Amino acid sequence: MSDQYNQMHEKLVKTSEDFTGMIAYSIYKAEKREAIKNGLNIVEFTKLKLQSNEIGKYKREAEGLVNLFLQAAADEKINGIKAELAGKINKLTLESLPKDPMYKRLFRWHNFGSAGVVGNFWTAVIVAVFVWVFADSSSWNTAKENAITSVKAPFINGSGRGSAPDSTSATVTP
């Protein structure tokens, strides 16, 4: 080999699959280019860079770049896997929700949503039956007329709101 042959490639790149070594050699070449641009003595530059501490520096820089690249690739893959798992979990959750038949949903609606309305209706019916059973016919007719007037009053007034009954309306006495 000639004295002018630079052995930096052999010192940094061990095999054709040594990508870290190839990156280290690329870093060395970039520094050498800068040295040539700045007019430095290239023979002295090469002697300096062939020292073991300089070769170690290039290898550490290259390993840092490789690790940075691998970490970015791993983070991207991890985020993709997280998104895929979140989608699968969401799908499984929706599929595992109970699908009750209509009568169960109606029962649940009745007991939790409209129980007050339905209960008030049946209370009114029971009260009406008691009044009908225990009142004489004239009292029943008066109570029936008062109930009909009370129900129709909001619609007759036109405002949508009921008004207080006047003092002239008939009252039910048992």
Protein backbone atom coordinates (compact mmCIF):
# COMPACT_ATOMS: atom_id res chain seq x y z
CA MET A 1 0.00 0.00 0.00
CA SER A 2 1.06 3.50 -0.71
CA ASP A 3 1.97 5.94 2.05
CA GLN A 4 -0.76 8.17 0.71
CA TYR A 5 -3.45 5.52 1.19
CA ASN A 6 -5.79 6.49 3.99
CA GLN A 7 -6.91 3.48 6.09
CA MET A 8 -9.77 5.34 7.77
CA HIS A 9 -12.44 3.29 5.93
CA GLU A 10 -10.98 0.01 7.20
CA LYS A 11 -10.76 1.37 10.75
CA LEU A 12 -14.39 2.56 10.80
CA VAL A 13 -16.22 0.07 8.57
CA LYS A 14 -15.69 -3.58 9.55
CA THR A 15 -18.13 -5.37 7.16
CA SER A 16 -20.49 -4.52 4.33
CA GLU A 17 -23.40 -4.66 6.84
CA ASP A 18 -21.71 -2.31 9.33
CA PHE A 19 -24.08 0.62 8.88
CA THR A 20 -22.81 2.35 12.00
CA GLY A 21 -19.29 2.23 10.60
CA MET A 22 -20.54 3.59 7.27
CA ILE A 23 -22.20 6.50 9.06
CA ALA A 24 -18.99 7.12 11.05
CA TYR A 25 -17.00 7.16 7.79
CA SER A 26 -19.50 9.61 6.32
CA ILE A 27 -19.00 11.90 9.34
CA TYR A 28 -15.22 11.68 8.83
CA LYS A 29 -15.59 12.52 5.13
CA ALA A 30 -17.73 15.57 5.94
CA GLU A 31 -15.04 16.83 8.34
CA LYS A 32 -12.32 16.17 5.76
CA ARG A 33 -14.26 18.18 3.16
CA GLU A 34 -14.51 21.10 5.57
CA ALA A 35 -10.78 20.87 6.30
CA ILE A 36 -9.98 20.99 2.58
CA LYS A 37 -12.34 23.97 2.11
CA ASN A 38 -10.63 25.80 4.97
CA GLY A 39 -7.18 25.13 3.49
CA LEU A 40 -5.85 22.86 6.27
CA ASN A 41 -2.94 20.50 5.60
CA ILE A 42 -4.73 17.29 4.65
CA VAL A 43 -1.79 15.01 5.55
CA GLU A 44 -1.70 16.38 9.10
CA PHE A 45 -5.51 16.24 9.30
CA THR A 46 -5.49 12.55 8.29
CA LYS A 47 -2.72 11.67 10.80
CA LEU A 48 -4.71 13.37 13.55
CA LYS A 49 -7.98 11.65 12.62
CA LEU A 50 -6.37 8.17 12.47
CA GLN A 51 -5.67 8.29 16.21
CA SER A 52 -7.77 5.92 18.33
CA ASN A 53 -9.55 8.66 20.27
CA GLU A 54 -10.71 10.29 16.99
CA ILE A 55 -11.88 6.94 15.61
CA GLY A 56 -13.79 6.34 18.87
CA LYS A 57 -15.37 9.79 18.56
CA TYR A 58 -16.63 9.01 15.03
CA LYS A 59 -18.03 5.66 16.19
CA ARG A 60 -19.83 7.28 19.16
CA GLU A 61 -21.35 9.97 16.95
CA ALA A 62 -22.49 7.35 14.43
CA GLU A 63 -23.98 5.17 17.21
CA GLY A 64 -25.86 8.20 18.52
CA LEU A 65 -27.34 8.86 15.07
CA VAL A 66 -28.24 5.19 14.59
CA ASN A 67 -29.88 5.09 18.03
CA LEU A 68 -31.80 8.27 17.27
CA PHE A 69 -33.04 6.80 13.99
CA LEU A 70 -33.99 3.48 15.60
CA GLN A 71 -35.78 5.24 18.47
CA ALA A 72 -37.80 7.33 16.01
CA ALA A 73 -38.71 4.21 14.03
CA ALA A 74 -39.63 2.35 17.22
CA ASP A 75 -41.76 5.25 18.48
CA GLU A 76 -43.62 5.36 15.18
CA LYS A 77 -44.25 1.61 15.30
CA ILE A 78 -45.37 1.80 18.96
CA ASN A 79 -47.82 4.61 18.18
CA GLY A 80 -49.24 2.56 15.31
CA ILE A 81 -49.68 -0.47 17.56
CA LYS A 82 -51.31 1.68 20.28
CA ALA A 83 -53.79 3.10 17.76
CA GLU A 84 -54.58 -0.37 16.44
CA LEU A 85 -55.10 -1.76 19.95
CA ALA A 86 -57.30 1.18 20.94
CA GLY A 87 -59.48 0.51 17.90
CA LYS A 88 -59.73 -3.20 18.71
CA ILE A 89 -60.57 -2.50 22.36
CA ASN A 90 -63.25 -0.02 21.32
CA LYS A 91 -64.74 -2.56 18.90
CA LEU A 92 -64.69 -5.33 21.53
CA THR A 93 -66.31 -3.04 24.08
CA LEU A 94 -69.12 -2.13 21.71
CA GLU A 95 -69.63 -5.76 20.73
CA SER A 96 -69.73 -6.91 24.36
CA LEU A 97 -72.41 -4.45 25.43
CA PRO A 98 -75.64 -6.28 26.26
CA LYS A 99 -78.27 -6.15 23.57
CA ASP A 100 -81.52 -6.44 25.49
CA PRO A 101 -84.79 -7.29 23.77
CA MET A 102 -87.35 -4.54 23.26
CA TYR A 103 -89.57 -5.54 26.20
CA LYS A 104 -86.63 -5.25 28.63
CA ARG A 105 -85.70 -1.82 27.30
CA LEU A 106 -89.37 -0.73 27.60
CA PHE A 107 -89.49 -2.03 31.18
CA ARG A 108 -86.27 -0.16 32.02
CA TRP A 109 -87.62 3.02 30.37
CA HIS A 110 -90.82 2.69 32.39
CA ASN A 111 -89.09 2.11 35.69
CA PHE A 112 -86.36 4.73 35.33
CA GLY A 113 -87.67 7.32 32.94
CA SER A 114 -91.41 7.60 33.00
CA ALA A 115 -92.37 6.02 36.30
CA GLY A 116 -93.45 9.39 37.71
CA VAL A 117 -95.80 10.15 34.82
CA VAL A 118 -97.31 6.68 34.79
CA GLY A 119 -97.59 6.67 38.59
CA ASN A 120 -99.40 10.01 38.57
CA PHE A 121 -101.83 8.72 35.95
CA TRP A 122 -102.71 5.63 38.02
CA THR A 123 -103.02 7.73 41.18
CA ALA A 124 -105.52 9.99 39.41
CA VAL A 125 -107.47 6.94 38.23
CA ILE A 126 -107.60 5.48 41.74
CA VAL A 127 -108.71 8.80 43.25
CA ALA A 128 -111.41 9.09 40.58
CA VAL A 129 -112.64 5.57 41.38
CA PHE A 130 -112.82 6.40 45.11
CA VAL A 131 -114.74 9.60 44.43
CA TRP A 132 -117.12 7.73 42.12
CA VAL A 133 -117.69 4.93 44.66
CA PHE A 134 -118.14 7.09 47.76
CA ALA A 135 -119.91 10.13 46.32
CA ASP A 136 -123.56 10.53 45.42
CA SER A 137 -124.46 11.13 41.76
CA SER A 138 -124.74 14.94 42.00
CA SER A 139 -121.35 15.21 43.71
CA TRP A 140 -119.86 12.88 41.09
CA ASN A 141 -121.22 15.03 38.24
CA THR A 142 -119.83 18.20 39.84
CA ALA A 143 -116.41 16.60 40.35
CA LYS A 144 -116.44 15.33 36.75
CA GLU A 145 -117.29 18.80 35.38
CA ASN A 146 -114.57 20.42 37.51
CA ALA A 147 -112.01 17.88 36.27
CA ILE A 148 -112.97 18.47 32.63
CA THR A 149 -112.84 22.25 33.11
CA SER A 150 -109.41 22.01 34.75
CA VAL A 151 -108.02 19.91 31.91
CA LYS A 152 -109.50 22.14 29.16
CA ALA A 153 -108.64 25.49 30.81
CA PRO A 154 -105.05 25.82 29.48
CA PHE A 155 -106.23 25.14 25.92
CA ILE A 156 -109.23 27.46 26.05
CA ASN A 157 -107.21 30.41 27.41
CA GLY A 158 -104.87 30.14 24.43
CA SER A 159 -101.77 31.13 26.34
CA GLY A 160 -100.79 27.55 27.04
CA ARG A 161 -100.82 28.25 30.77
CA GLY A 162 -103.62 27.43 33.11
CA SER A 163 -105.21 30.06 35.27
CA ALA A 164 -106.38 29.77 38.82
CA PRO A 165 -110.02 28.81 39.07
CA ASP A 166 -112.34 31.67 39.99
CA SER A 167 -114.05 31.78 43.29
CA THR A 168 -117.43 31.31 41.55
CA SER A 169 -116.70 27.75 40.42
CA ALA A 170 -118.52 24.96 42.13
CA THR A 171 -116.77 22.97 44.79
CA VAL A 172 -117.16 19.33 45.64
CA THR A 173 -118.48 18.50 49.03
CA PRO A 174 -118.74 14.92 50.15
